[in-house]
Amino acid sequence: MDLPSPLAWLVDEAGASPSPEWFLAELGRRLLADGLPLLGGALTLSVPHPIIARRTWLWRAETGAVIEALAFAAAPRSEAGRAWLAGLGPVWEDRIGPSQDNRSDNPLLGWARVASGEGAGAFGAAEAGLLREVARFAAAPLAALAAREARAALLEAYLGRRSAARVQAGALARGTGETIRAALLCADLRDFTALSEVTEPHVMISALDAWFDRVAGAVHAFGGEVLKFIGDGVLAIFPVTATSGEGDAARGDREACEAALRAVAASRAGMAHLDQLRQAQGLAPLPFGAALHFGEILWGNIGAADRLDFTAIGPAVNLVSRLEGLCKPLGRSVLISGAVAANTATALTQLGEHTLRGIADPCAVFALPTD
């Protein structure tokens, strides 16, 4: 069967597209080459994500550039693609999928055409016919793309961006992993058990969400990744990025530690503001403890044969957990190990060496001067 180039591409190659933005740009380029006078295109996919409801990619024919717009679940529904296309010229849109299943969460593909004059420029019959065929032939590759994007969104929501990428790349075997250097952050709420016994469950869940928003938001803002929520506790890492040469390696260590220190400072500021809001509502504050350490960790798959966890283990993880347990006895909200102190120019207060439960060697402990 002799198909137009864009349709042949959709049948033979589009299913292997590495990303939705690449799919949109390549399809738009092929439609242009086939003589369709386009100014831009838009592709919208729904995603199963706790915050993001839809992702829209916008392609401009003049430059070939693609940008992304996000629609959030809590925001009023909007049609970002259609609005953007309407600013360029006459618009043609299609929901992708069987007509009897034309649901609002199906992929949406739209195009803007060059307008040739006042009242003119709408897509002609032949052009509209081609775009209808494009929508029909795009159903299979877009279904594959949507499934991949949905899987990626779910994995990132539950595992974190870096860990999700490793799993998607095929790091699935139990007991496999890699040794990396990273700054570690361990934090949890103080007296959570006592608070939960006198607090309604839905109020307690709301408090936990607010706490996790502050600490995880700060971690992600400074390039870290939350590995695990454990009850009211958080374990996060700030991996050292790939470097070459001894000087670069030392710089990478410092950057990871500085990022962790900035994240914990942002967490403290966020929790101080949250406590003010809670006080205004007649609620108790949420005191917390946090510890920072730096070292090597084994990052990979651990668990049972049919239930794995992508996490970090090793002496550095044990130490940061034990160090966090010293916060309450020492009356500090943040404690910092000597390994982090050696990799930062931030002024810290020395608290001497302390023996940590289960750790053979005493640990040099530092605190923030403002704590």
Protein backbone atom coordinates (compact mmCIF):
# COMPACT_ATOMS: atom_id res chain seq x y z
CA MET A 1 0.00 0.00 0.00
CA ASP A 2 1.42 3.37 -1.08
CA LEU A 3 0.98 5.70 1.90
CA PRO A 4 1.94 9.36 2.31
CA SER A 5 5.27 9.70 4.09
CA PRO A 6 3.81 10.78 7.47
CA LEU A 7 1.41 7.82 7.54
CA ALA A 8 4.10 5.34 6.50
CA TRP A 9 6.30 6.65 9.30
CA LEU A 10 3.46 6.26 11.81
CA VAL A 11 3.01 2.62 10.75
CA ASP A 12 6.65 1.59 10.49
CA GLU A 13 8.74 3.68 12.89
CA ALA A 14 6.79 5.97 15.21
CA GLY A 15 6.22 3.26 17.83
CA ALA A 16 9.94 3.39 18.66
CA SER A 17 9.88 7.14 19.36
CA PRO A 18 12.04 7.83 22.43
CA SER A 19 9.70 10.48 23.85
CA PRO A 20 6.43 12.33 23.17
CA GLU A 21 8.28 15.54 22.29
CA TRP A 22 10.40 13.72 19.73
CA PHE A 23 7.28 12.05 18.28
CA LEU A 24 5.50 15.41 17.89
CA ALA A 25 8.49 17.18 16.33
CA GLU A 26 9.20 14.36 13.89
CA LEU A 27 5.56 14.01 12.85
CA GLY A 28 5.29 17.77 12.37
CA ARG A 29 8.47 17.83 10.29
CA ARG A 30 7.17 15.07 8.05
CA LEU A 31 3.81 16.82 7.59
CA LEU A 32 5.66 20.00 6.61
CA ALA A 33 7.79 18.06 4.14
CA ASP A 34 4.58 16.60 2.70
CA GLY A 35 3.37 20.11 1.92
CA LEU A 36 1.07 20.86 4.85
CA PRO A 37 1.54 24.58 5.78
CA LEU A 38 1.79 24.19 9.55
CA LEU A 39 2.82 26.77 12.14
CA GLY A 40 2.79 24.45 15.14
CA GLY A 41 1.50 21.33 16.81
CA ALA A 42 0.44 20.18 20.25
CA LEU A 43 0.27 16.77 21.90
CA THR A 44 -1.44 16.20 25.26
CA LEU A 45 -1.24 13.02 27.33
CA SER A 46 -2.92 12.25 30.63
CA VAL A 47 -0.58 10.81 33.26
CA PRO A 48 -1.24 8.91 36.53
CA HIS A 49 0.58 11.26 38.89
CA PRO A 50 -0.32 12.64 42.33
CA ILE A 51 0.27 16.25 41.22
CA ILE A 52 0.31 16.40 37.41
CA ALA A 53 -2.88 15.58 35.53
CA ARG A 54 -1.77 16.18 31.94
CA ARG A 55 1.42 16.95 30.02
CA THR A 56 1.28 18.98 26.82
CA TRP A 57 4.11 19.36 24.33
CA LEU A 58 4.07 22.39 22.00
CA TRP A 59 6.01 22.30 18.72
CA ARG A 60 6.79 25.41 16.66
CA ALA A 61 7.36 24.66 13.00
CA GLU A 62 9.58 27.70 12.38
CA THR A 63 12.27 26.62 14.81
CA GLY A 64 11.52 22.94 15.41
CA ALA A 65 11.64 23.62 19.16
CA VAL A 66 9.36 21.77 21.59
CA ILE A 67 8.39 23.08 25.01
CA GLU A 68 6.29 21.40 27.68
CA ALA A 69 3.29 22.68 29.64
CA LEU A 70 1.93 20.92 32.73
CA ALA A 71 -1.66 20.81 33.95
CA PHE A 72 -1.95 20.15 37.67
CA ALA A 73 -4.61 17.94 39.20
CA ALA A 74 -5.73 20.59 41.71
CA ALA A 75 -6.09 23.34 39.07
CA PRO A 76 -9.17 24.00 36.93
CA ARG A 77 -9.10 22.01 33.71
CA SER A 78 -7.50 23.90 30.83
CA GLU A 79 -6.68 23.12 27.21
CA ALA A 80 -3.17 24.52 26.99
CA GLY A 81 -2.49 23.02 23.56
CA ARG A 82 -5.60 24.42 21.92
CA ALA A 83 -5.08 27.87 23.46
CA TRP A 84 -1.47 27.99 22.26
CA LEU A 85 -2.34 26.79 18.75
CA ALA A 86 -5.19 29.32 18.45
CA GLY A 87 -2.63 32.07 18.95
CA LEU A 88 -0.79 30.87 15.83
CA GLY A 89 -3.60 30.26 13.33
CA PRO A 90 -6.60 28.07 12.45
CA VAL A 91 -6.65 24.91 14.58
CA TRP A 92 -7.39 21.25 13.84
CA GLU A 93 -7.64 18.84 16.79
CA ASP A 94 -8.35 15.13 17.20
CA ARG A 95 -8.76 12.84 20.16
CA ILE A 96 -6.72 9.74 19.46
CA GLY A 97 -8.45 6.40 19.90
CA PRO A 98 -11.63 4.59 18.81
CA SER A 99 -14.55 6.96 18.31
CA GLN A 100 -16.68 5.01 20.77
CA ASP A 101 -13.96 5.57 23.38
CA ASN A 102 -13.44 9.28 22.78
CA ARG A 103 -12.76 10.00 26.44
CA SER A 104 -11.31 13.24 27.72
CA ASP A 105 -8.19 11.45 28.96
CA ASN A 106 -7.33 10.04 25.51
CA PRO A 107 -4.29 11.60 23.78
CA LEU A 108 -5.09 14.88 22.03
CA LEU A 109 -3.23 15.88 18.86
CA GLY A 110 -3.65 19.33 17.37
CA TRP A 111 -2.20 21.50 14.61
CA ALA A 112 -2.18 25.18 13.64
CA ARG A 113 -2.16 26.19 9.98
CA VAL A 114 -0.77 29.22 8.21
CA ALA A 115 -3.58 31.72 7.68
CA SER A 116 -3.54 33.20 4.17
CA GLY A 117 -5.81 36.19 4.83
CA GLU A 118 -8.85 37.46 6.68
CA GLY A 119 -11.43 34.71 6.94
CA ALA A 120 -9.17 32.32 5.03
CA GLY A 121 -6.57 29.78 5.99
CA ALA A 122 -8.78 27.13 7.55
CA PHE A 123 -7.71 23.58 6.82
CA GLY A 124 -9.00 22.52 3.42
CA ALA A 125 -10.84 19.28 2.73
CA ALA A 126 -7.72 17.43 1.56
CA GLU A 127 -5.66 18.70 4.48
CA ALA A 128 -8.38 17.81 6.97
CA GLY A 129 -8.61 14.35 5.39
CA LEU A 130 -4.86 13.83 5.82
CA LEU A 131 -4.98 14.94 9.47
CA ARG A 132 -7.88 12.58 10.15
CA GLU A 133 -5.76 9.76 8.76
CA VAL A 134 -2.81 10.95 10.84
CA ALA A 135 -4.98 10.75 13.98
CA ARG A 136 -6.13 7.25 13.03
CA PHE A 137 -2.64 5.95 12.24
CA ALA A 138 -1.19 7.65 15.34
CA ALA A 139 -3.39 5.62 17.69
CA ALA A 140 -1.03 2.64 18.02
CA PRO A 141 2.28 4.49 18.51
CA LEU A 142 0.65 7.00 20.84
CA ALA A 143 -0.85 4.20 22.91
CA ALA A 144 2.66 2.77 23.33
CA LEU A 145 4.07 6.20 24.19
CA ALA A 146 1.28 6.91 26.66
CA ALA A 147 1.85 3.56 28.37
CA ARG A 148 5.58 4.27 28.69
CA GLU A 149 4.95 7.77 30.05
CA ALA A 150 2.39 6.40 32.53
CA ARG A 151 4.85 3.77 33.73
CA ALA A 152 7.60 6.38 34.09
CA ALA A 153 5.30 8.75 36.02
CA LEU A 154 4.25 6.01 38.43
CA LEU A 155 7.80 4.80 39.00
CA GLU A 156 9.06 8.34 39.64
CA ALA A 157 6.21 9.02 42.08
CA TYR A 158 6.99 5.90 44.11
CA LEU A 159 10.75 5.45 43.63
CA GLY A 160 12.13 8.91 42.82
CA ARG A 161 13.58 10.14 39.54
CA ARG A 162 17.04 8.54 39.67
CA SER A 163 15.89 5.21 41.06
CA ALA A 164 13.02 5.06 38.57
CA ALA A 165 15.44 5.66 35.71
CA ARG A 166 17.62 2.78 36.91
CA VAL A 167 14.64 0.42 37.13
CA GLN A 168 13.40 1.42 33.68
CA ALA A 169 16.88 0.84 32.31
CA GLY A 170 16.60 -2.79 33.40
CA ALA A 171 18.25 -2.82 36.84
CA LEU A 172 15.78 -5.43 38.12
CA ALA A 173 17.82 -8.33 39.47
CA ARG A 174 17.82 -8.83 43.23
CA GLY A 175 21.16 -8.14 44.87
CA THR A 176 22.43 -5.90 42.06
CA GLY A 177 23.46 -2.32 42.57
CA GLU A 178 26.35 0.09 42.46
CA THR A 179 28.51 1.79 45.04
CA ILE A 180 28.19 5.57 44.92
CA ARG A 181 29.34 8.47 47.08
CA ALA A 182 26.57 10.64 48.41
CA ALA A 183 25.55 13.01 51.17
CA LEU A 184 22.72 11.47 53.18
CA LEU A 185 19.86 13.15 55.02
CA CYS A 186 17.87 11.30 57.66
CA ALA A 187 15.02 13.11 59.39
CA ASP A 188 11.94 12.35 61.44
CA LEU A 189 9.35 14.06 63.62
CA ARG A 190 9.75 14.21 67.38
CA ASP A 191 7.16 12.52 69.65
CA PHE A 192 5.14 11.37 66.67
CA THR A 193 3.74 8.34 68.50
CA ALA A 194 2.39 10.43 71.36
CA LEU A 195 0.93 12.99 68.95
CA SER A 196 -0.77 10.31 66.85
CA GLU A 197 -2.49 8.84 69.91
CA VAL A 198 -4.33 12.11 70.62
CA THR A 199 -4.94 13.21 67.01
CA GLU A 200 -7.65 12.14 64.58
CA PRO A 201 -6.18 9.93 61.81
CA HIS A 202 -7.12 12.28 58.96
CA VAL A 203 -5.58 15.23 60.85
CA MET A 204 -2.43 13.19 61.45
CA ILE A 205 -2.18 12.27 57.78
CA SER A 206 -2.54 15.94 56.86
CA ALA A 207 0.27 16.82 59.28
CA LEU A 208 2.52 14.11 57.84
CA ASP A 209 1.85 15.30 54.30
CA ALA A 210 2.72 18.88 55.30
CA TRP A 211 5.97 17.68 56.93
CA PHE A 212 6.94 15.55 53.95
CA ASP A 213 6.13 18.42 51.56
CA ARG A 214 8.63 20.64 53.37
CA VAL A 215 11.49 18.19 53.67
CA ALA A 216 11.05 16.41 50.32
CA GLY A 217 10.46 19.72 48.53
CA ALA A 218 13.73 21.05 49.92
CA VAL A 219 15.60 17.85 49.00
CA HIS A 220 14.36 17.93 45.41
CA ALA A 221 14.97 21.69 45.07
CA PHE A 222 18.68 21.16 45.72
CA GLY A 223 19.17 18.12 43.51
CA GLY A 224 18.65 15.34 46.03
CA GLU A 225 16.30 12.39 45.93
CA VAL A 226 14.04 10.96 48.59
CA LEU A 227 14.69 7.23 48.77
CA LYS A 228 12.16 6.31 51.40
CA PHE A 229 9.41 7.49 53.72
CA ILE A 230 9.43 5.31 56.85
CA GLY A 231 6.51 6.19 59.11
CA ASP A 232 7.26 9.82 59.91
CA GLY A 233 10.88 9.49 58.77
CA VAL A 234 12.67 10.42 55.55
CA LEU A 235 15.86 9.05 54.00
CA ALA A 236 17.28 11.11 51.13
CA ILE A 237 20.53 11.15 49.17
CA PHE A 238 22.52 13.77 47.29
CA PRO A 239 24.72 11.71 44.95
CA VAL A 240 28.09 12.95 43.79
CA THR A 241 27.86 13.62 40.07
CA ALA A 242 30.25 11.93 37.64
CA THR A 243 33.63 13.66 37.63
CA SER A 244 37.10 13.04 36.26
CA GLY A 245 40.36 13.70 38.03
CA GLU A 246 41.17 13.97 41.71
CA GLY A 247 40.39 17.70 41.92
CA ASP A 248 37.02 17.21 40.23
CA ALA A 249 36.18 14.34 42.59
CA ALA A 250 36.84 16.54 45.63
CA ARG A 251 34.67 19.27 44.12
CA GLY A 252 31.88 16.75 43.56
CA ASP A 253 32.04 15.71 47.22
CA ARG A 254 31.81 19.33 48.34
CA GLU A 255 28.90 20.09 46.01
CA ALA A 256 26.91 17.13 47.34
CA CYS A 257 27.50 18.15 50.96
CA GLU A 258 26.70 21.81 50.29
CA ALA A 259 23.48 20.78 48.55
CA ALA A 260 22.48 18.68 51.55
CA LEU A 261 23.20 21.58 53.93
CA ARG A 262 21.13 23.97 51.83
CA ALA A 263 18.29 21.45 51.73
CA VAL A 264 18.24 21.02 55.50
CA ALA A 265 18.29 24.80 55.98
CA ALA A 266 15.34 25.11 53.60
CA SER A 267 13.54 22.33 55.49
CA ARG A 268 13.99 24.19 58.77
CA ALA A 269 12.63 27.40 57.25
CA GLY A 270 9.67 25.54 55.79
CA MET A 271 8.88 23.84 59.08
CA ALA A 272 9.16 27.12 61.00
CA HIS A 273 6.55 28.61 58.69
CA LEU A 274 4.36 25.51 59.01
CA ASP A 275 4.52 25.73 62.82
CA GLN A 276 3.34 29.35 62.63
CA LEU A 277 0.36 28.26 60.53
CA ARG A 278 -0.41 25.40 62.92
CA GLN A 279 -0.18 27.71 65.94
CA ALA A 280 -2.69 30.08 64.33
CA GLN A 281 -5.04 27.08 63.96
CA GLY A 282 -4.57 26.04 67.57
CA LEU A 283 -2.47 23.00 66.63
CA ALA A 284 0.74 21.78 68.23
CA PRO A 285 4.07 22.44 66.46
CA LEU A 286 5.90 19.63 64.70
CA PRO A 287 9.46 19.46 66.08
CA PHE A 288 11.85 17.30 64.11
CA GLY A 289 15.39 16.02 64.06
CA ALA A 290 17.67 15.68 61.04
CA ALA A 291 21.18 14.36 60.47
CA LEU A 292 23.63 14.71 57.60
CA HIS A 293 26.48 12.37 56.74
CA PHE A 294 28.67 11.70 53.71
CA GLY A 295 30.07 8.40 52.50
CA GLU A 296 29.76 5.43 50.19
CA ILE A 297 26.48 3.57 49.86
CA LEU A 298 25.30 0.53 47.94
CA TRP A 299 22.38 1.73 45.84
CA GLY A 300 20.29 -0.99 44.24
CA ASN A 301 17.76 -3.83 44.51
CA ILE A 302 17.22 -5.53 47.84
CA GLY A 303 14.32 -7.68 49.00
CA ALA A 304 12.44 -10.93 48.52
CA ALA A 305 12.32 -12.85 45.26
CA ASP A 306 8.95 -11.36 44.33
CA ARG A 307 9.02 -8.03 46.23
CA LEU A 308 12.00 -5.72 45.73
CA ASP A 309 12.96 -2.34 47.08
CA PHE A 310 15.33 0.01 45.26
CA THR A 311 17.16 1.58 48.18
CA ALA A 312 20.51 2.30 49.80
CA ILE A 313 22.37 0.30 52.42
CA GLY A 314 25.80 0.37 54.01
CA PRO A 315 27.70 1.75 57.01
CA ALA A 316 27.01 5.36 55.94
CA VAL A 317 23.25 4.73 56.05
CA ASN A 318 23.54 3.13 59.48
CA LEU A 319 25.60 6.04 60.79
CA VAL A 320 23.27 8.80 59.60
CA SER A 321 20.32 7.00 61.18
CA ARG A 322 22.11 6.65 64.52
CA LEU A 323 23.30 10.26 64.34
CA GLU A 324 19.73 11.48 63.88
CA GLY A 325 18.85 9.66 67.10
CA LEU A 326 21.25 11.99 68.97
CA CYS A 327 19.26 15.11 68.07
CA LYS A 328 16.87 14.85 71.00
CA PRO A 329 19.49 14.01 73.68
CA LEU A 330 21.70 16.88 72.48
CA GLY A 331 18.80 19.32 72.14
CA ARG A 332 19.50 20.04 68.47
CA SER A 333 17.27 19.87 65.42
CA VAL A 334 20.17 19.20 63.02
CA LEU A 335 23.38 17.22 63.57
CA ILE A 336 26.19 16.97 61.03
CA SER A 337 28.94 14.38 60.86
CA GLY A 338 32.62 15.14 60.55
CA ALA A 339 32.58 13.74 57.01
CA VAL A 340 30.18 16.49 55.92
CA ALA A 341 31.98 19.14 57.97
CA ALA A 342 35.21 18.30 56.12
CA ASN A 343 33.47 19.00 52.79
CA THR A 344 31.93 22.38 53.44
CA ALA A 345 32.96 25.97 54.09
CA THR A 346 29.78 26.54 56.13
CA ALA A 347 30.48 27.64 59.70
CA LEU A 348 29.51 24.85 62.10
CA THR A 349 29.55 24.41 65.86
CA GLN A 350 31.66 21.53 67.18
CA LEU A 351 29.93 19.23 69.65
CA GLY A 352 32.82 16.83 70.15
CA GLU A 353 32.99 13.10 69.44
CA HIS A 354 30.09 10.83 70.33
CA THR A 355 29.65 7.08 70.41
CA LEU A 356 26.75 5.93 68.24
CA ARG A 357 24.87 2.73 68.94
CA GLY A 358 26.16 -0.09 66.73
CA ILE A 359 28.96 2.06 65.24
CA ALA A 360 32.49 0.99 66.20
CA ASP A 361 34.30 4.34 65.97
CA PRO A 362 33.21 7.56 67.69
CA CYS A 363 31.73 10.17 65.33
CA ALA A 364 32.74 13.82 65.26
CA VAL A 365 29.48 15.75 65.56
CA PHE A 366 28.70 19.30 64.50
CA ALA A 367 25.63 21.53 64.60
CA LEU A 368 24.39 24.62 62.82
CA PRO A 369 25.32 27.81 64.73
CA THR A 370 21.70 28.99 64.51
CA ASP A 371 20.28 25.77 65.98
